[in-house]
PDB file of N, CA and C in Angstrom:
ATOM      1  N   MET A   1      20.016  28.184 149.934  1.00  0.00           N
ATOM      2  CA  MET A   1      20.400  27.373 148.947  1.00  0.00           C
ATOM      3  C   MET A   1      19.207  26.811 148.051  1.00  0.00           C
ATOM      4  N   ALA A   2      19.426  26.944 146.938  1.00  0.00           N
ATOM      5  CA  ALA A   2      18.251  26.356 146.137  1.00  0.00           C
ATOM      6  C   ALA A   2      18.129  24.758 146.116  1.00  0.00           C
ATOM      7  N   THR A   3      17.014  24.531 145.992  1.00  0.00           N
ATOM      8  CA  THR A   3      16.773  22.980 146.092  1.00  0.00           C
ATOM      9  C   THR A   3      17.444  22.232 145.058  1.00  0.00           C
ATOM     10  N   PHE A   4      17.622  22.758 143.933  1.00  0.00           N
ATOM     11  CA  PHE A   4      18.537  21.981 143.010  1.00  0.00           C
ATOM     12  C   PHE A   4      19.960  21.943 143.079  1.00  0.00           C
ATOM     13  N   ASP A   5      20.418  22.673 144.018  1.00  0.00           N
ATOM     14  CA  ASP A   5      21.893  22.720 144.532  1.00  0.00           C
ATOM     15  C   ASP A   5      22.097  21.536 145.308  1.00  0.00           C
ATOM     16  N   LYS A   6      23.096  20.651 144.954  1.00  0.00           N
ATOM     17  CA  LYS A   6      23.360  19.452 145.766  1.00  0.00           C
ATOM     18  C   LYS A   6      24.677  19.644 146.681  1.00  0.00           C
ATOM     19  N   ARG A   7      25.212  20.840 146.779  1.00  0.00           N
ATOM     20  CA  ARG A   7      26.429  21.133 147.501  1.00  0.00           C
ATOM     21  C   ARG A   7      26.016  21.488 149.077  1.00  0.00           C
ATOM     22  N   ARG A   8      26.797  20.893 149.896  1.00  0.00           N
ATOM     23  CA  ARG A   8      26.517  20.762 151.280  1.00  0.00           C
ATOM     24  C   ARG A   8      26.811  22.284 151.834  1.00  0.00           C
ATOM     25  N   HIS A   9      28.021  22.942 151.154  1.00  0.00           N
ATOM     26  CA  HIS A   9      28.589  24.302 151.497  1.00  0.00           C
ATOM     27  C   HIS A   9      28.479  25.419 150.538  1.00  0.00           C
ATOM     28  N   ARG A  10      28.301  26.417 150.820  1.00  0.00           N
ATOM     29  CA  ARG A  10      28.418  27.640 149.956  1.00  0.00           C
ATOM     30  C   ARG A  10      29.848  27.831 149.374  1.00  0.00           C
ATOM     31  N   ARG A  11      29.814  27.926 148.048  1.00  0.00           N
ATOM     32  CA  ARG A  11      31.177  28.162 147.332  1.00  0.00           C
ATOM     33  C   ARG A  11      31.370  29.630 147.138  1.00  0.00           C
ATOM     34  N   SER A  12      32.680  30.131 147.278  1.00  0.00           N
ATOM     35  CA  SER A  12      33.120  31.501 147.130  1.00  0.00           C
ATOM     36  C   SER A  12      34.040  31.528 145.765  1.00  0.00           C
ATOM     37  N   ASN A  13      33.649  32.184 144.816  1.00  0.00           N
ATOM     38  CA  ASN A  13      34.421  32.365 143.549  1.00  0.00           C
ATOM     39  C   ASN A  13      35.790  33.160 143.897  1.00  0.00           C
ATOM     40  N   ILE A  14      36.867  32.476 143.492  1.00  0.00           N
ATOM     41  CA  ILE A  14      38.099  33.056 143.567  1.00  0.00           C
ATOM     42  C   ILE A  14      38.896  32.697 142.446  1.00  0.00           C
ATOM     43  N   ALA A  15      39.975  33.307 142.376  1.00  0.00           N
ATOM     44  CA  ALA A  15      41.179  32.951 141.193  1.00  0.00           C
ATOM     45  C   ALA A  15      42.311  32.812 141.737  1.00  0.00           C
ATOM     46  N   THR A  16      42.796  31.635 142.336  1.00  0.00           N
ATOM     47  CA  THR A  16      44.152  31.609 142.930  1.00  0.00           C
ATOM     48  C   THR A  16      44.849  30.396 142.542  1.00  0.00           C
ATOM     49  N   ALA A  17      45.939  30.923 141.889  1.00  0.00           N
ATOM     50  CA  ALA A  17      47.002  29.985 141.531  1.00  0.00           C
ATOM     51  C   ALA A  17      47.604  29.045 142.629  1.00  0.00           C
ATOM     52  N   VAL A  18      47.582  27.725 142.360  1.00  0.00           N
ATOM     53  CA  VAL A  18      47.996  26.775 143.172  1.00  0.00           C
ATOM     54  C   VAL A  18      49.027  25.932 142.634  1.00  0.00           C
ATOM     55  N   GLU A  19      49.581  24.867 143.316  1.00  0.00           N
ATOM     56  CA  GLU A  19      50.296  23.787 142.806  1.00  0.00           C
ATOM     57  C   GLU A  19      49.854  22.462 143.394  1.00  0.00           C
ATOM     58  N   TYR A  20      49.787  21.391 142.568  1.00  0.00           N
ATOM     59  CA  TYR A  20      49.197  20.068 143.125  1.00  0.00           C
ATOM     60  C   TYR A  20      50.159  19.035 142.684  1.00  0.00           C
ATOM     61  N   ALA A  21      49.971  17.963 143.439  1.00  0.00           N
ATOM     62  CA  ALA A  21      50.811  16.780 143.062  1.00  0.00           C
ATOM     63  C   ALA A  21      49.909  15.678 143.092  1.00  0.00           C
ATOM     64  N   PHE A  22      50.225  14.439 142.304  1.00  0.00           N
ATOM     65  CA  PHE A  22      49.642  13.333 142.259  1.00  0.00           C
ATOM     66  C   PHE A  22      49.934  12.222 143.305  1.00  0.00           C
ATOM     67  N   ASP A  23      51.117  12.286 143.745  1.00  0.00           N
ATOM     68  CA  ASP A  23      51.565  11.295 144.917  1.00  0.00           C
ATOM     69  C   ASP A  23      51.800  11.919 146.355  1.00  0.00           C
ATOM     70  N   PRO A  24      51.120  11.780 147.185  1.00  0.00           N
ATOM     71  CA  PRO A  24      51.090  12.481 148.496  1.00  0.00           C
ATOM     72  C   PRO A  24      52.534  12.250 149.158  1.00  0.00           C
ATOM     73  N   LEU A  25      53.305  11.225 148.767  1.00  0.00           N
ATOM     74  CA  LEU A  25      54.670  10.985 149.292  1.00  0.00           C
ATOM     75  C   LEU A  25      55.642  11.550 148.590  1.00  0.00           C
ATOM     76  N   HIS A  26      55.371  12.213 147.495  1.00  0.00           N
ATOM     77  CA  HIS A  26      56.562  12.914 146.555  1.00  0.00           C
ATOM     78  C   HIS A  26      55.780  14.112 146.066  1.00  0.00           C
ATOM     79  N   THR A  27      55.687  15.042 146.928  1.00  0.00           N
ATOM     80  CA  THR A  27      55.012  16.373 146.349  1.00  0.00           C
ATOM     81  C   THR A  27      55.990  17.098 145.656  1.00  0.00           C
ATOM     82  N   ASP A  28      57.250  16.738 145.531  1.00  0.00           N
ATOM     83  CA  ASP A  28      58.327  17.427 144.748  1.00  0.00           C
ATOM     84  C   ASP A  28      57.873  17.655 143.346  1.00  0.00           C
ATOM     85  N   GLU A  29      57.342  16.624 142.698  1.00  0.00           N
ATOM     86  CA  GLU A  29      56.834  16.867 141.343  1.00  0.00           C
ATOM     87  C   GLU A  29      55.366  17.207 141.187  1.00  0.00           C
ATOM     88  N   THR A  30      55.439  18.635 140.847  1.00  0.00           N
ATOM     89  CA  THR A  30      54.077  19.410 141.144  1.00  0.00           C
ATOM     90  C   THR A  30      53.680  19.991 139.638  1.00  0.00           C
ATOM     91  N   PHE A  31      52.317  20.356 139.666  1.00  0.00           N
ATOM     92  CA  PHE A  31      51.643  20.837 138.467  1.00  0.00           C
ATOM     93  C   PHE A  31      51.135  22.057 138.836  1.00  0.00           C
ATOM     94  N   ASP A  32      50.718  22.972 137.918  1.00  0.00           N
ATOM     95  CA  ASP A  32      50.145  24.239 138.118  1.00  0.00           C
ATOM     96  C   ASP A  32      48.615  24.045 137.820  1.00  0.00           C
ATOM     97  N   GLY A  33      47.759  24.666 138.762  1.00  0.00           N
ATOM     98  CA  GLY A  33      46.578  25.050 138.583  1.00  0.00           C
ATOM     99  C   GLY A  33      45.897  26.278 139.076  1.00  0.00           C
ATOM    100  N   VAL A  34      44.590  26.377 138.930  1.00  0.00           N
ATOM    101  CA  VAL A  34      44.031  27.628 139.414  1.00  0.00           C
ATOM    102  C   VAL A  34      42.562  27.161 139.972  1.00  0.00           C
ATOM    103  N   ILE A  35      42.501  27.535 141.165  1.00  0.00           N
ATOM    104  CA  ILE A  35      41.316  27.425 142.018  1.00  0.00           C
ATOM    105  C   ILE A  35      40.186  28.428 141.428  1.00  0.00           C
ATOM    106  N   ALA A  36      39.127  27.812 140.867  1.00  0.00           N
ATOM    107  CA  ALA A  36      38.007  28.727 140.242  1.00  0.00           C
ATOM    108  C   ALA A  36      37.175  29.269 141.432  1.00  0.00           C
ATOM    109  N   ASP A  37      36.782  28.155 142.309  1.00  0.00           N
ATOM    110  CA  ASP A  37      35.917  28.404 143.431  1.00  0.00           C
ATOM    111  C   ASP A  37      36.192  27.428 144.686  1.00  0.00           C
ATOM    112  N   ILE A  38      35.846  27.670 145.785  1.00  0.00           N
ATOM    113  CA  ILE A  38      36.153  27.023 147.035  1.00  0.00           C
ATOM    114  C   ILE A  38      35.048  27.158 148.112  1.00  0.00           C
ATOM    115  N   SER A  39      34.867  25.891 148.820  1.00  0.00           N
ATOM    116  CA  SER A  39      34.164  25.867 149.769  1.00  0.00           C
ATOM    117  C   SER A  39      34.605  25.158 151.034  1.00  0.00           C
ATOM    118  N   GLU A  40      33.991  24.945 152.225  1.00  0.00           N
ATOM    119  CA  GLU A  40      34.503  24.057 153.182  1.00  0.00           C
ATOM    120  C   GLU A  40      34.660  22.705 152.969  1.00  0.00           C
ATOM    121  N   SER A  41      34.109  22.149 151.949  1.00  0.00           N
ATOM    122  CA  SER A  41      34.086  20.768 151.464  1.00  0.00           C
ATOM    123  C   SER A  41      34.902  20.446 150.231  1.00  0.00           C
ATOM    124  N   GLY A  42      35.133  21.649 149.398  1.00  0.00           N
ATOM    125  CA  GLY A  42      35.805  21.179 148.057  1.00  0.00           C
ATOM    126  C   GLY A  42      36.187  22.330 147.335  1.00  0.00           C
ATOM    127  N   LEU A  43      36.487  22.042 146.060  1.00  0.00           N
ATOM    128  CA  LEU A  43      36.879  23.290 145.212  1.00  0.00           C
ATOM    129  C   LEU A  43      36.869  22.919 143.632  1.00  0.00           C
ATOM    130  N   CYS A  44      36.707  23.952 142.824  1.00  0.00           N
ATOM    131  CA  CYS A  44      36.780  23.667 141.415  1.00  0.00           C
ATOM    132  C   CYS A  44      38.137  24.004 140.963  1.00  0.00           C
ATOM    133  N   LEU A  45      38.846  23.121 140.282  1.00  0.00           N
ATOM    134  CA  LEU A  45      40.290  23.332 139.939  1.00  0.00           C
ATOM    135  C   LEU A  45      40.257  23.293 138.311  1.00  0.00           C
ATOM    136  N   LEU A  46      41.128  24.284 137.914  1.00  0.00           N
ATOM    137  CA  LEU A  46      41.206  24.271 136.317  1.00  0.00           C
ATOM    138  C   LEU A  46      42.764  24.167 136.236  1.00  0.00           C
ATOM    139  N   THR A  47      43.085  23.358 135.350  1.00  0.00           N
ATOM    140  CA  THR A  47      44.376  22.964 134.968  1.00  0.00           C
ATOM    141  C   THR A  47      44.662  22.445 133.553  1.00  0.00           C
ATOM    142  N   THR A  48      45.895  22.456 133.061  1.00  0.00           N
ATOM    143  CA  THR A  48      46.211  21.956 131.406  1.00  0.00           C
ATOM    144  C   THR A  48      46.385  20.200 131.677  1.00  0.00           C
ATOM    145  N   THR A  49      46.464  19.818 132.766  1.00  0.00           N
ATOM    146  CA  THR A  49      46.804  18.294 133.008  1.00  0.00           C
ATOM    147  C   THR A  49      45.342  17.760 133.229  1.00  0.00           C
ATOM    148  N   PRO A  50      45.131  16.511 132.623  1.00  0.00           N
ATOM    149  CA  PRO A  50      43.888  16.016 132.658  1.00  0.00           C
ATOM    150  C   PRO A  50      43.709  15.184 134.059  1.00  0.00           C
ATOM    151  N   LEU A  51      42.599  15.166 134.792  1.00  0.00           N
ATOM    152  CA  LEU A  51      42.500  14.483 136.051  1.00  0.00           C
ATOM    153  C   LEU A  51      41.382  13.652 135.861  1.00  0.00           C
ATOM    154  N   ASN A  52      41.362  12.346 136.552  1.00  0.00           N
ATOM    155  CA  ASN A  52      40.487  11.454 136.426  1.00  0.00           C
ATOM    156  C   ASN A  52      39.479  11.289 137.636  1.00  0.00           C
ATOM    157  N   LYS A  53      38.453  10.895 137.445  1.00  0.00           N
ATOM    158  CA  LYS A  53      37.449  10.713 138.562  1.00  0.00           C
ATOM    159  C   LYS A  53      37.974   9.631 139.604  1.00  0.00           C
ATOM    160  N   GLY A  54      37.908  10.003 140.905  1.00  0.00           N
ATOM    161  CA  GLY A  54      38.437   9.179 141.845  1.00  0.00           C
ATOM    162  C   GLY A  54      39.861   9.355 142.361  1.00  0.00           C
ATOM    163  N   GLN A  55      40.710   9.947 141.337  1.00  0.00           N
ATOM    164  CA  GLN A  55      41.949  10.250 141.600  1.00  0.00           C
ATOM    165  C   GLN A  55      42.199  11.168 142.988  1.00  0.00           C
ATOM    166  N   GLU A  56      43.182  10.761 143.615  1.00  0.00           N
ATOM    167  CA  GLU A  56      43.606  11.579 144.838  1.00  0.00           C
ATOM    168  C   GLU A  56      44.735  12.510 144.413  1.00  0.00           C
ATOM    169  N   ILE A  57      44.608  13.700 144.853  1.00  0.00           N
ATOM    170  CA  ILE A  57      45.738  14.569 144.681  1.00  0.00           C
ATOM    171  C   ILE A  57      46.049  15.511 145.769  1.00  0.00           C
ATOM    172  N   VAL A  58      47.097  16.096 145.924  1.00  0.00           N
ATOM    173  CA  VAL A  58      47.487  17.077 146.941  1.00  0.00           C
ATOM    174  C   VAL A  58      47.496  18.516 146.381  1.00  0.00           C
ATOM    175  N   ILE A  59      46.675  19.277 146.969  1.00  0.00           N
ATOM    176  CA  ILE A  59      46.583  20.703 146.650  1.00  0.00           C
ATOM    177  C   ILE A  59      47.649  21.467 147.471  1.00  0.00           C
ATOM    178  N   LYS A  60      48.471  22.170 146.956  1.00  0.00           N
ATOM    179  CA  LYS A  60      49.369  22.918 147.830  1.00  0.00           C
ATOM    180  C   LYS A  60      48.943  24.342 147.738  1.00  0.00           C
ATOM    181  N   ILE A  61      48.296  24.716 148.625  1.00  0.00           N
ATOM    182  CA  ILE A  61      47.580  26.133 148.621  1.00  0.00           C
ATOM    183  C   ILE A  61      48.529  27.257 148.823  1.00  0.00           C
ATOM    184  N   ASN A  62      49.485  26.835 149.768  1.00  0.00           N
ATOM    185  CA  ASN A  62      50.718  27.806 149.974  1.00  0.00           C
ATOM    186  C   ASN A  62      51.927  26.719 150.108  1.00  0.00           C
ATOM    187  N   PRO A  63      52.616  26.580 149.099  1.00  0.00           N
ATOM    188  CA  PRO A  63      53.682  25.544 148.914  1.00  0.00           C
ATOM    189  C   PRO A  63      54.619  25.264 150.180  1.00  0.00           C
ATOM    190  N   SER A  64      54.926  26.492 150.835  1.00  0.00           N
ATOM    191  CA  SER A  64      55.670  26.333 152.027  1.00  0.00           C
ATOM    192  C   SER A  64      54.972  25.918 153.313  1.00  0.00           C
ATOM    193  N   ALA A  65      53.849  26.160 153.375  1.00  0.00           N
ATOM    194  CA  ALA A  65      52.971  26.004 154.770  1.00  0.00           C
ATOM    195  C   ALA A  65      51.815  25.120 154.588  1.00  0.00           C
ATOM    196  N   PHE A  66      50.955  24.849 153.808  1.00  0.00           N
ATOM    197  CA  PHE A  66      49.712  24.239 153.716  1.00  0.00           C
ATOM    198  C   PHE A  66      49.630  23.374 152.640  1.00  0.00           C
ATOM    199  N   SER A  67      49.001  22.162 152.798  1.00  0.00           N
ATOM    200  CA  SER A  67      48.679  21.211 151.734  1.00  0.00           C
ATOM    201  C   SER A  67      47.206  20.625 152.076  1.00  0.00           C
ATOM    202  N   GLN A  68      46.487  20.358 151.028  1.00  0.00           N
ATOM    203  CA  GLN A  68      45.124  19.596 151.215  1.00  0.00           C
ATOM    204  C   GLN A  68      44.969  18.542 150.374  1.00  0.00           C
ATOM    205  N   THR A  69      44.514  17.354 150.864  1.00  0.00           N
ATOM    206  CA  THR A  69      44.257  16.140 149.959  1.00  0.00           C
ATOM    207  C   THR A  69      42.878  16.091 149.564  1.00  0.00           C
ATOM    208  N   ALA A  70      42.521  15.845 148.340  1.00  0.00           N
ATOM    209  CA  ALA A  70      41.294  15.758 147.624  1.00  0.00           C
ATOM    210  C   ALA A  70      41.092  14.829 146.731  1.00  0.00           C
ATOM    211  N   THR A  71      39.793  14.456 146.507  1.00  0.00           N
ATOM    212  CA  THR A  71      39.490  13.481 145.584  1.00  0.00           C
ATOM    213  C   THR A  71      38.739  14.104 144.420  1.00  0.00           C
ATOM    214  N   VAL A  72      39.008  13.583 143.134  1.00  0.00           N
ATOM    215  CA  VAL A  72      38.399  14.060 141.838  1.00  0.00           C
ATOM    216  C   VAL A  72      37.140  13.383 142.038  1.00  0.00           C
ATOM    217  N   ARG A  73      35.879  14.298 142.029  1.00  0.00           N
ATOM    218  CA  ARG A  73      34.591  13.842 141.846  1.00  0.00           C
ATOM    219  C   ARG A  73      34.014  13.938 140.517  1.00  0.00           C
ATOM    220  N   TRP A  74      34.574  14.863 139.739  1.00  0.00           N
ATOM    221  CA  TRP A  74      34.077  15.220 138.156  1.00  0.00           C
ATOM    222  C   TRP A  74      35.117  15.641 137.572  1.00  0.00           C
ATOM    223  N   SER A  75      35.465  15.445 136.377  1.00  0.00           N
ATOM    224  CA  SER A  75      36.240  16.243 135.509  1.00  0.00           C
ATOM    225  C   SER A  75      35.894  16.186 134.207  1.00  0.00           C
ATOM    226  N   ARG A  76      36.105  17.358 133.372  1.00  0.00           N
ATOM    227  CA  ARG A  76      35.697  17.744 132.025  1.00  0.00           C
ATOM    228  C   ARG A  76      36.940  18.223 131.404  1.00  0.00           C
ATOM    229  N   GLN A  77      37.199  17.782 130.120  1.00  0.00           N
ATOM    230  CA  GLN A  77      38.252  18.229 129.255  1.00  0.00           C
ATOM    231  C   GLN A  77      37.628  19.090 128.323  1.00  0.00           C
ATOM    232  N   TYR A  78      38.355  20.288 128.065  1.00  0.00           N
ATOM    233  CA  TYR A  78      37.927  21.277 127.122  1.00  0.00           C
ATOM    234  C   TYR A  78      38.792  21.358 125.923  1.00  0.00           C
ATOM    235  N   GLU A  79      38.660  20.687 124.695  1.00  0.00           N
ATOM    236  CA  GLU A  79      39.337  20.862 123.406  1.00  0.00           C
ATOM    237  C   GLU A  79      40.769  20.708 123.798  1.00  0.00           C
ATOM    238  N   ASP A  80      41.459  19.767 124.462  1.00  0.00           N
ATOM    239  CA  ASP A  80      42.856  19.662 124.799  1.00  0.00           C
ATOM    240  C   ASP A  80      43.384  20.873 125.192  1.00  0.00           C
ATOM    241  N   LEU A  81      42.617  21.867 125.764  1.00  0.00           N
ATOM    242  CA  LEU A  81      43.276  23.242 126.253  1.00  0.00           C
ATOM    243  C   LEU A  81      43.343  23.155 127.780  1.00  0.00           C
ATOM    244  N   TYR A  82      42.275  22.656 128.357  1.00  0.00           N
ATOM    245  CA  TYR A  82      42.239  22.676 129.814  1.00  0.00           C
ATOM    246  C   TYR A  82      41.280  21.723 130.271  1.00  0.00           C
ATOM    247  N   CYS A  83      41.526  21.457 131.636  1.00  0.00           N
ATOM    248  CA  CYS A  83      40.630  20.435 132.465  1.00  0.00           C
ATOM    249  C   CYS A  83      39.979  21.374 133.411  1.00  0.00           C
ATOM    250  N   LYS A  84      38.738  21.089 133.696  1.00  0.00           N
ATOM    251  CA  LYS A  84      37.956  21.589 134.801  1.00  0.00           C
ATOM    252  C   LYS A  84      37.480  20.355 135.797  1.00  0.00           C
ATOM    253  N   ALA A  85      37.815  20.462 137.023  1.00  0.00           N
ATOM    254  CA  ALA A  85      37.478  19.402 137.818  1.00  0.00           C
ATOM    255  C   ALA A  85      36.868  19.680 139.201  1.00  0.00           C
ATOM    256  N   GLY A  86      35.966  19.006 139.929  1.00  0.00           N
ATOM    257  CA  GLY A  86      35.395  19.263 141.013  1.00  0.00           C
ATOM    258  C   GLY A  86      36.039  18.370 142.020  1.00  0.00           C
ATOM    259  N   LEU A  87      36.629  18.862 143.009  1.00  0.00           N
ATOM    260  CA  LEU A  87      37.564  18.077 144.080  1.00  0.00           C
ATOM    261  C   LEU A  87      36.669  18.097 145.419  1.00  0.00           C
ATOM    262  N   GLU A  88      36.674  16.996 146.200  1.00  0.00           N
ATOM    263  CA  GLU A  88      36.270  16.987 147.496  1.00  0.00           C
ATOM    264  C   GLU A  88      37.297  16.801 148.291  1.00  0.00           C
ATOM    265  N   PHE A  89      37.459  17.632 149.487  1.00  0.00           N
ATOM    266  CA  PHE A  89      38.405  17.473 150.372  1.00  0.00           C
ATOM    267  C   PHE A  89      38.293  16.046 151.184  1.00  0.00           C
ATOM    268  N   ILE A  90      39.427  15.513 151.455  1.00  0.00           N
ATOM    269  CA  ILE A  90      39.461  14.227 152.234  1.00  0.00           C
ATOM    270  C   ILE A  90      39.627  14.481 153.709  1.00  0.00           C
ATOM    271  N   GLU A  91      40.348  15.483 153.966  1.00  0.00           N
ATOM    272  CA  GLU A  91      40.620  15.819 155.400  1.00  0.00           C
ATOM    273  C   GLU A  91      40.809  17.363 155.500  1.00  0.00           C
ATOM    274  N   ARG A  92      40.747  17.959 156.600  1.00  0.00           N
ATOM    275  CA  ARG A  92      40.804  19.388 156.864  1.00  0.00           C
ATOM    276  C   ARG A  92      42.306  19.860 156.490  1.00  0.00           C
ATOM    277  N   MET A  93      42.409  21.161 156.308  1.00  0.00           N
ATOM    278  CA  MET A  93      43.734  21.685 155.895  1.00  0.00           C
ATOM    279  C   MET A  93      44.847  21.289 156.966  1.00  0.00           C
ATOM    280  N   ASN A  94      46.065  20.836 156.268  1.00  0.00           N
ATOM    281  CA  ASN A  94      46.983  20.306 157.025  1.00  0.00           C
ATOM    282  C   ASN A  94      48.359  21.549 156.940  1.00  0.00           C
ATOM    283  N   ASN A  95      48.844  21.561 158.365  1.00  0.00           N
ATOM    284  CA  ASN A  95      50.026  22.360 158.158  1.00  0.00           C
ATOM    285  C   ASN A  95      51.157  21.597 157.945  1.00  0.00           C
ATOM    286  N   LYS A  96      52.201  22.010 157.204  1.00  0.00           N
ATOM    287  CA  LYS A  96      53.166  21.271 156.779  1.00  0.00           C
ATOM    288  C   LYS A  96      54.501  21.804 157.162  1.00  0.00           C
TER     289      LYS A  96
END
């Protein structure tokens, strides 16, 4: 890993559609997003819904089987078209 890269884990580029929710207790209201890259400690999410730094969301990687809680570490809005956000996993993958 290069010295300028602050990431703890190597990221893998992927393009996977996911659902996510803002409230971990009410995950029936979901939004669509695309994971652009992922690592052991986090991911980059593309979505049309703005995300805020510090916000916690539940990523539904496989809506019927797995969910993952993450914190928004950074977020950039691109001309009201989409949002690109860096998320850090709060806990390891959960079976649901």
